[in-house]
PDB file of all heavy atoms in Angstrom:
ATOM      1  N   VAL A   1       0.852  -1.153   0.002  1.00  0.00           N
ATOM      2  CA  VAL A   1      -0.114  -0.062  -0.058  1.00  0.00           C
ATOM      3  C   VAL A   1       0.866   1.199   0.021  1.00  0.00           C
ATOM      4  O   VAL A   1       1.887   1.340   0.784  1.00  0.00           O
ATOM      5  CB  VAL A   1      -0.898   0.015   1.240  1.00  0.00           C
ATOM      6  CG1 VAL A   1      -1.774   1.304   1.168  1.00  0.00           C
ATOM      7  CG2 VAL A   1      -1.823  -1.258   1.238  1.00  0.00           C
ATOM      8  N   ASN A   2       0.671   2.201  -0.957  1.00  0.00           N
ATOM      9  CA  ASN A   2       1.400   3.417  -0.917  1.00  0.00           C
ATOM     10  C   ASN A   2       1.014   4.429   0.051  1.00  0.00           C
ATOM     11  O   ASN A   2      -0.236   4.593   0.442  1.00  0.00           O
ATOM     12  CB  ASN A   2       1.129   3.972  -2.317  1.00  0.00           C
ATOM     13  CG  ASN A   2       1.691   3.312  -3.447  1.00  0.00           C
ATOM     14  OD1 ASN A   2       2.882   3.454  -3.740  1.00  0.00           O
ATOM     15  ND2 ASN A   2       0.911   2.530  -4.153  1.00  0.00           N
ATOM     16  N   LEU A   3       1.907   5.047   0.839  1.00  0.00           N
ATOM     17  CA  LEU A   3       1.606   6.022   1.790  1.00  0.00           C
ATOM     18  C   LEU A   3       2.044   7.322   1.318  1.00  0.00           C
ATOM     19  O   LEU A   3       3.113   7.583   0.703  1.00  0.00           O
ATOM     20  CB  LEU A   3       2.357   5.759   3.114  1.00  0.00           C
ATOM     21  CG  LEU A   3       1.883   4.744   4.102  1.00  0.00           C
ATOM     22  CD1 LEU A   3       2.822   4.811   5.336  1.00  0.00           C
ATOM     23  CD2 LEU A   3       0.452   5.005   4.358  1.00  0.00           C
ATOM     24  N   ALA A   4       1.095   8.400   1.223  1.00  0.00           N
ATOM     25  CA  ALA A   4       1.459   9.782   0.845  1.00  0.00           C
ATOM     26  C   ALA A   4       2.368  10.282   1.904  1.00  0.00           C
ATOM     27  O   ALA A   4       2.446  10.004   3.001  1.00  0.00           O
ATOM     28  CB  ALA A   4       0.245  10.594   0.661  1.00  0.00           C
ATOM     29  N   ALA A   5       3.195  11.412   1.424  1.00  0.00           N
ATOM     30  CA  ALA A   5       4.174  11.991   2.221  1.00  0.00           C
ATOM     31  C   ALA A   5       3.411  12.584   3.476  1.00  0.00           C
ATOM     32  O   ALA A   5       4.014  12.587   4.630  1.00  0.00           O
ATOM     33  CB  ALA A   5       4.868  13.113   1.354  1.00  0.00           C
ATOM     34  N   ARG A   6       2.113  13.154   3.213  1.00  0.00           N
ATOM     35  CA  ARG A   6       1.462  13.762   4.345  1.00  0.00           C
ATOM     36  C   ARG A   6       1.092  12.735   5.357  1.00  0.00           C
ATOM     37  O   ARG A   6       1.118  13.046   6.681  1.00  0.00           O
ATOM     38  CB  ARG A   6       0.273  14.482   3.866  1.00  0.00           C
ATOM     39  CG  ARG A   6      -0.516  15.324   4.925  1.00  0.00           C
ATOM     40  CD  ARG A   6      -1.535  16.125   4.368  1.00  0.00           C
ATOM     41  NE  ARG A   6      -0.979  17.177   3.301  1.00  0.00           N
ATOM     42  CZ  ARG A   6      -1.808  18.332   2.904  1.00  0.00           C
ATOM     43  NH1 ARG A   6      -3.070  18.327   3.194  1.00  0.00           N
ATOM     44  NH2 ARG A   6      -1.206  19.167   2.089  1.00  0.00           N
ATOM     45  N   GLN A   7       0.702  11.576   4.983  1.00  0.00           N
ATOM     46  CA  GLN A   7       0.415  10.515   5.910  1.00  0.00           C
ATOM     47  C   GLN A   7       1.667  10.001   6.755  1.00  0.00           C
ATOM     48  O   GLN A   7       1.555   9.921   7.905  1.00  0.00           O
ATOM     49  CB  GLN A   7      -0.115   9.245   5.183  1.00  0.00           C
ATOM     50  CG  GLN A   7      -1.520   9.393   4.598  1.00  0.00           C
ATOM     51  CD  GLN A   7      -1.850   8.264   3.814  1.00  0.00           C
ATOM     52  OE1 GLN A   7      -1.479   7.941   2.685  1.00  0.00           O
ATOM     53  NE2 GLN A   7      -2.695   7.367   4.533  1.00  0.00           N
ATOM     54  N   ALA A   8       2.780   9.930   6.073  1.00  0.00           N
ATOM     55  CA  ALA A   8       4.014   9.549   6.762  1.00  0.00           C
ATOM     56  C   ALA A   8       4.622  10.521   7.694  1.00  0.00           C
ATOM     57  O   ALA A   8       5.347  10.281   8.569  1.00  0.00           O
ATOM     58  CB  ALA A   8       5.010   9.106   5.693  1.00  0.00           C
ATOM     59  N   ASP A   9       4.212  11.793   7.428  1.00  0.00           N
ATOM     60  CA  ASP A   9       4.738  12.859   8.255  1.00  0.00           C
ATOM     61  C   ASP A   9       4.126  12.990   9.659  1.00  0.00           C
ATOM     62  O   ASP A   9       4.575  13.812  10.575  1.00  0.00           O
ATOM     63  CB  ASP A   9       4.564  14.310   7.584  1.00  0.00           C
ATOM     64  CG  ASP A   9       5.581  14.412   6.514  1.00  0.00           C
ATOM     65  OD1 ASP A   9       6.537  13.696   6.423  1.00  0.00           O
ATOM     66  OD2 ASP A   9       5.503  15.239   5.674  1.00  0.00           O
ATOM     67  N   THR A  10       3.038  12.269   9.988  1.00  0.00           N
ATOM     68  CA  THR A  10       2.390  12.325  11.293  1.00  0.00           C
ATOM     69  C   THR A  10       2.498  11.004  11.940  1.00  0.00           C
ATOM     70  O   THR A  10       2.334   9.989  11.263  1.00  0.00           O
ATOM     71  CB  THR A  10       0.856  12.698  10.983  1.00  0.00           C
ATOM     72  OG1 THR A  10       0.104  12.765  12.166  1.00  0.00           O
ATOM     73  CG2 THR A  10       0.197  11.818  10.090  1.00  0.00           C
ATOM     74  N   SER A  11       2.579  11.164  13.258  1.00  0.00           N
ATOM     75  CA  SER A  11       2.723   9.913  14.085  1.00  0.00           C
ATOM     76  C   SER A  11       1.368   9.139  14.177  1.00  0.00           C
ATOM     77  O   SER A  11       1.327   8.076  14.571  1.00  0.00           O
ATOM     78  CB  SER A  11       3.196  10.275  15.520  1.00  0.00           C
ATOM     79  OG  SER A  11       2.246  11.207  16.185  1.00  0.00           O
ATOM     80  N   ALA A  12       0.267   9.747  13.851  1.00  0.00           N
ATOM     81  CA  ALA A  12      -1.078   9.097  13.851  1.00  0.00           C
ATOM     82  C   ALA A  12      -1.023   7.920  12.865  1.00  0.00           C
ATOM     83  O   ALA A  12      -1.941   7.007  13.040  1.00  0.00           O
ATOM     84  CB  ALA A  12      -2.175  10.131  13.601  1.00  0.00           C
ATOM     85  N   ILE A  13      -0.191   7.870  11.894  1.00  0.00           N
ATOM     86  CA  ILE A  13      -0.111   6.813  10.997  1.00  0.00           C
ATOM     87  C   ILE A  13       0.033   5.494  11.700  1.00  0.00           C
ATOM     88  O   ILE A  13      -0.346   4.428  11.192  1.00  0.00           O
ATOM     89  CB  ILE A  13       0.857   7.177   9.778  1.00  0.00           C
ATOM     90  CG1 ILE A  13       0.624   6.037   8.674  1.00  0.00           C
ATOM     91  CG2 ILE A  13       2.199   7.142  10.289  1.00  0.00           C
ATOM     92  CD1 ILE A  13      -0.676   5.942   7.915  1.00  0.00           C
ATOM     93  N   VAL A  14       0.879   5.532  12.719  1.00  0.00           N
ATOM     94  CA  VAL A  14       1.260   4.291  13.424  1.00  0.00           C
ATOM     95  C   VAL A  14      -0.013   3.724  13.971  1.00  0.00           C
ATOM     96  O   VAL A  14      -0.343   2.531  13.939  1.00  0.00           O
ATOM     97  CB  VAL A  14       2.260   4.514  14.392  1.00  0.00           C
ATOM     98  CG1 VAL A  14       2.594   3.164  15.144  1.00  0.00           C
ATOM     99  CG2 VAL A  14       3.496   5.151  13.842  1.00  0.00           C
ATOM    100  N   ASP A  15      -0.711   4.511  14.727  1.00  0.00           N
ATOM    101  CA  ASP A  15      -2.020   4.020  15.344  1.00  0.00           C
ATOM    102  C   ASP A  15      -2.952   3.712  14.151  1.00  0.00           C
ATOM    103  O   ASP A  15      -3.816   2.636  14.343  1.00  0.00           O
ATOM    104  CB  ASP A  15      -2.767   5.118  16.140  1.00  0.00           C
ATOM    105  CG  ASP A  15      -1.742   5.652  17.361  1.00  0.00           C
ATOM    106  OD1 ASP A  15      -0.959   4.598  17.764  1.00  0.00           O
ATOM    107  OD2 ASP A  15      -1.866   6.707  17.706  1.00  0.00           O
ATOM    108  N   THR A  16      -3.171   4.308  13.012  1.00  0.00           N
ATOM    109  CA  THR A  16      -4.025   3.948  11.951  1.00  0.00           C
ATOM    110  C   THR A  16      -3.475   2.491  11.378  1.00  0.00           C
ATOM    111  O   THR A  16      -4.539   1.720  11.214  1.00  0.00           O
ATOM    112  CB  THR A  16      -3.823   5.003  10.807  1.00  0.00           C
ATOM    113  OG1 THR A  16      -4.195   6.273  11.347  1.00  0.00           O
ATOM    114  CG2 THR A  16      -4.895   4.523   9.736  1.00  0.00           C
ATOM    115  N   VAL A  17      -2.290   2.331  11.228  1.00  0.00           N
ATOM    116  CA  VAL A  17      -1.818   0.950  10.645  1.00  0.00           C
ATOM    117  C   VAL A  17      -2.164  -0.049  11.708  1.00  0.00           C
ATOM    118  O   VAL A  17      -2.666  -1.146  11.290  1.00  0.00           O
ATOM    119  CB  VAL A  17      -0.317   1.074  10.301  1.00  0.00           C
ATOM    120  CG1 VAL A  17       0.033  -0.307   9.811  1.00  0.00           C
ATOM    121  CG2 VAL A  17      -0.186   1.997   9.118  1.00  0.00           C
ATOM    122  N   ALA A  18      -1.884   0.171  12.921  1.00  0.00           N
ATOM    123  CA  ALA A  18      -2.163  -0.836  14.022  1.00  0.00           C
ATOM    124  C   ALA A  18      -3.573  -1.128  14.132  1.00  0.00           C
ATOM    125  O   ALA A  18      -3.935  -2.378  14.227  1.00  0.00           O
ATOM    126  CB  ALA A  18      -1.538  -0.377  15.300  1.00  0.00           C
ATOM    127  N   ASP A  19      -4.402  -0.269  14.014  1.00  0.00           N
ATOM    128  CA  ASP A  19      -5.902  -0.445  14.102  1.00  0.00           C
ATOM    129  C   ASP A  19      -6.370  -1.160  12.963  1.00  0.00           C
ATOM    130  O   ASP A  19      -7.186  -2.159  13.032  1.00  0.00           O
ATOM    131  CB  ASP A  19      -6.568   0.874  14.245  1.00  0.00           C
ATOM    132  CG  ASP A  19      -8.122   0.801  14.438  1.00  0.00           C
ATOM    133  OD1 ASP A  19      -8.435   0.209  15.364  1.00  0.00           O
ATOM    134  OD2 ASP A  19      -8.821   1.031  13.525  1.00  0.00           O
ATOM    135  N   ALA A  20      -5.925  -0.906  11.696  1.00  0.00           N
ATOM    136  CA  ALA A  20      -6.251  -1.641  10.425  1.00  0.00           C
ATOM    137  C   ALA A  20      -5.976  -2.963  10.548  1.00  0.00           C
ATOM    138  O   ALA A  20      -6.678  -3.902  10.136  1.00  0.00           O
ATOM    139  CB  ALA A  20      -5.537  -0.919   9.252  1.00  0.00           C
ATOM    140  N   LEU A  21      -4.686  -3.314  11.007  1.00  0.00           N
ATOM    141  CA  LEU A  21      -4.256  -4.698  11.281  1.00  0.00           C
ATOM    142  C   LEU A  21      -5.176  -5.588  12.257  1.00  0.00           C
ATOM    143  O   LEU A  21      -5.564  -6.689  11.979  1.00  0.00           O
ATOM    144  CB  LEU A  21      -2.749  -4.869  11.598  1.00  0.00           C
ATOM    145  CG  LEU A  21      -1.812  -4.356  10.543  1.00  0.00           C
ATOM    146  CD1 LEU A  21      -0.393  -4.286  11.117  1.00  0.00           C
ATOM    147  CD2 LEU A  21      -1.832  -5.295   9.327  1.00  0.00           C
ATOM    148  N   ALA A  22      -5.326  -4.775  13.314  1.00  0.00           N
ATOM    149  CA  ALA A  22      -6.154  -5.329  14.419  1.00  0.00           C
ATOM    150  C   ALA A  22      -7.609  -5.607  14.043  1.00  0.00           C
ATOM    151  O   ALA A  22      -8.071  -6.697  14.298  1.00  0.00           O
ATOM    152  CB  ALA A  22      -6.071  -4.525  15.780  1.00  0.00           C
ATOM    153  N   SER A  23      -8.240  -4.684  13.325  1.00  0.00           N
ATOM    154  CA  SER A  23      -9.545  -4.807  13.060  1.00  0.00           C
ATOM    155  C   SER A  23      -9.948  -5.938  11.879  1.00  0.00           C
ATOM    156  O   SER A  23     -10.927  -6.428  11.934  1.00  0.00           O
ATOM    157  CB  SER A  23     -10.179  -3.450  12.571  1.00  0.00           C
ATOM    158  OG  SER A  23      -9.569  -3.002  11.396  1.00  0.00           O
ATOM    159  N   THR A  24      -8.906  -6.026  11.056  1.00  0.00           N
ATOM    160  CA  THR A  24      -8.888  -7.005  10.007  1.00  0.00           C
ATOM    161  C   THR A  24      -8.375  -8.486  10.325  1.00  0.00           C
ATOM    162  O   THR A  24      -8.721  -9.320   9.688  1.00  0.00           O
ATOM    163  CB  THR A  24      -8.405  -6.438   8.579  1.00  0.00           C
ATOM    164  OG1 THR A  24      -6.929  -6.375   8.842  1.00  0.00           O
ATOM    165  CG2 THR A  24      -8.964  -5.203   8.287  1.00  0.00           C
ATOM    166  N   GLY A  25      -7.474  -8.463  11.229  1.00  0.00           N
ATOM    167  CA  GLY A  25      -6.689  -9.875  11.605  1.00  0.00           C
ATOM    168  C   GLY A  25      -5.576 -10.084  10.599  1.00  0.00           C
ATOM    169  O   GLY A  25      -5.222 -11.179  10.840  1.00  0.00           O
ATOM    170  N   LEU A  26      -5.281  -9.111   9.893  1.00  0.00           N
ATOM    171  CA  LEU A  26      -4.245  -9.519   8.886  1.00  0.00           C
ATOM    172  C   LEU A  26      -2.842  -9.508   9.673  1.00  0.00           C
ATOM    173  O   LEU A  26      -2.526  -8.580  10.399  1.00  0.00           O
ATOM    174  CB  LEU A  26      -4.118  -8.350   7.757  1.00  0.00           C
ATOM    175  CG  LEU A  26      -3.044  -8.617   6.718  1.00  0.00           C
ATOM    176  CD1 LEU A  26      -3.252  -9.731   5.837  1.00  0.00           C
ATOM    177  CD2 LEU A  26      -2.894  -7.192   5.854  1.00  0.00           C
ATOM    178  N   PRO A  27      -2.003 -10.474   9.399  1.00  0.00           N
ATOM    179  CA  PRO A  27      -0.695 -10.523   9.978  1.00  0.00           C
ATOM    180  C   PRO A  27       0.116  -9.440   9.482  1.00  0.00           C
ATOM    181  O   PRO A  27       0.117  -9.075   8.281  1.00  0.00           O
ATOM    182  CB  PRO A  27      -0.076 -11.924   9.509  1.00  0.00           C
ATOM    183  CG  PRO A  27      -1.358 -12.761   9.328  1.00  0.00           C
ATOM    184  CD  PRO A  27      -2.368 -11.740   8.704  1.00  0.00           C
ATOM    185  N   ALA A  28       0.895  -8.705  10.360  1.00  0.00           N
ATOM    186  CA  ALA A  28       1.651  -7.515  10.009  1.00  0.00           C
ATOM    187  C   ALA A  28       2.614  -7.763   8.911  1.00  0.00           C
ATOM    188  O   ALA A  28       2.921  -6.916   8.104  1.00  0.00           O
ATOM    189  CB  ALA A  28       2.385  -7.024  11.247  1.00  0.00           C
ATOM    190  N   GLU A  29       3.241  -8.953   8.972  1.00  0.00           N
ATOM    191  CA  GLU A  29       4.276  -9.353   7.927  1.00  0.00           C
ATOM    192  C   GLU A  29       3.669  -9.467   6.604  1.00  0.00           C
ATOM    193  O   GLU A  29       4.502  -9.402   5.519  1.00  0.00           O
ATOM    194  CB  GLU A  29       5.056 -10.556   8.291  1.00  0.00           C
ATOM    195  CG  GLU A  29       4.176 -11.756   8.273  1.00  0.00           C
ATOM    196  CD  GLU A  29       3.512 -12.249   9.517  1.00  0.00           C
ATOM    197  OE1 GLU A  29       3.570 -11.178  10.433  1.00  0.00           O
ATOM    198  OE2 GLU A  29       3.052 -13.237   9.661  1.00  0.00           O
ATOM    199  N   LEU A  30       2.436  -9.376   6.406  1.00  0.00           N
ATOM    200  CA  LEU A  30       1.727  -9.529   5.068  1.00  0.00           C
ATOM    201  C   LEU A  30       1.408  -8.165   4.529  1.00  0.00           C
ATOM    202  O   LEU A  30       0.704  -7.962   3.547  1.00  0.00           O
ATOM    203  CB  LEU A  30       0.490 -10.446   5.015  1.00  0.00           C
ATOM    204  CG  LEU A  30       0.776 -11.812   5.482  1.00  0.00           C
ATOM    205  CD1 LEU A  30      -0.527 -12.732   5.281  1.00  0.00           C
ATOM    206  CD2 LEU A  30       1.825 -12.446   4.447  1.00  0.00           C
ATOM    207  N   LEU A  31       1.721  -7.042   5.268  1.00  0.00           N
ATOM    208  CA  LEU A  31       1.484  -5.682   4.679  1.00  0.00           C
ATOM    209  C   LEU A  31       2.761  -4.970   4.513  1.00  0.00           C
ATOM    210  O   LEU A  31       3.733  -4.958   5.403  1.00  0.00           O
ATOM    211  CB  LEU A  31       0.643  -4.883   5.811  1.00  0.00           C
ATOM    212  CG  LEU A  31       0.544  -3.415   5.686  1.00  0.00           C
ATOM    213  CD1 LEU A  31      -0.384  -3.176   4.323  1.00  0.00           C
ATOM    214  CD2 LEU A  31      -0.223  -2.713   6.848  1.00  0.00           C
ATOM    215  N   GLN A  32       2.883  -4.476   3.355  1.00  0.00           N
ATOM    216  CA  GLN A  32       4.018  -3.614   2.951  1.00  0.00           C
ATOM    217  C   GLN A  32       3.540  -2.174   2.679  1.00  0.00           C
ATOM    218  O   GLN A  32       2.607  -1.984   1.982  1.00  0.00           O
ATOM    219  CB  GLN A  32       4.653  -4.221   1.758  1.00  0.00           C
ATOM    220  CG  GLN A  32       6.025  -3.298   1.365  1.00  0.00           C
ATOM    221  CD  GLN A  32       6.713  -3.923   0.210  1.00  0.00           C
ATOM    222  OE1 GLN A  32       7.587  -4.778   0.459  1.00  0.00           O
ATOM    223  NE2 GLN A  32       6.365  -3.662  -1.107  1.00  0.00           N
ATOM    224  N   LEU A  33       4.272  -1.191   3.334  1.00  0.00           N
ATOM    225  CA  LEU A  33       3.924   0.158   3.038  1.00  0.00           C
ATOM    226  C   LEU A  33       5.086   0.859   2.250  1.00  0.00           C
ATOM    227  O   LEU A  33       6.131   0.676   2.529  1.00  0.00           O
ATOM    228  CB  LEU A  33       3.888   0.977   4.457  1.00  0.00           C
ATOM    229  CG  LEU A  33       2.860   0.344   5.457  1.00  0.00           C
ATOM    230  CD1 LEU A  33       2.865   1.145   6.674  1.00  0.00           C
ATOM    231  CD2 LEU A  33       1.459   0.525   4.933  1.00  0.00           C
ATOM    232  N   GLU A  34       4.661   1.522   0.928  1.00  0.00           N
ATOM    233  CA  GLU A  34       5.499   2.066   0.119  1.00  0.00           C
ATOM    234  C   GLU A  34       5.575   3.613   0.325  1.00  0.00           C
ATOM    235  O   GLU A  34       4.459   4.235   0.462  1.00  0.00           O
ATOM    236  CB  GLU A  34       5.075   1.731  -1.236  1.00  0.00           C
ATOM    237  CG  GLU A  34       5.153   0.437  -1.647  1.00  0.00           C
ATOM    238  CD  GLU A  34       4.798   0.189  -3.148  1.00  0.00           C
ATOM    239  OE1 GLU A  34       4.872   1.041  -3.875  1.00  0.00           O
ATOM    240  OE2 GLU A  34       4.433  -0.939  -3.537  1.00  0.00           O
ATOM    241  N   LEU A  35       6.750   4.260   0.484  1.00  0.00           N
ATOM    242  CA  LEU A  35       6.933   5.638   0.558  1.00  0.00           C
ATOM    243  C   LEU A  35       7.869   5.983  -0.508  1.00  0.00           C
ATOM    244  O   LEU A  35       8.769   5.345  -0.904  1.00  0.00           O
ATOM    245  CB  LEU A  35       7.485   5.999   1.947  1.00  0.00           C
ATOM    246  CG  LEU A  35       6.735   5.655   3.176  1.00  0.00           C
ATOM    247  CD1 LEU A  35       7.106   4.348   3.673  1.00  0.00           C
ATOM    248  CD2 LEU A  35       6.833   6.817   4.153  1.00  0.00           C
TER     249      LEU A  35
END
């Protein structure tokens, strides 16, 4: 998944990614973030 520069510049992205993984049950190693 591509991350925009504005997304990467804020610390809230960490909580957003963690919540997305937790809510879907996707293992973290199966998600790649592109910057």
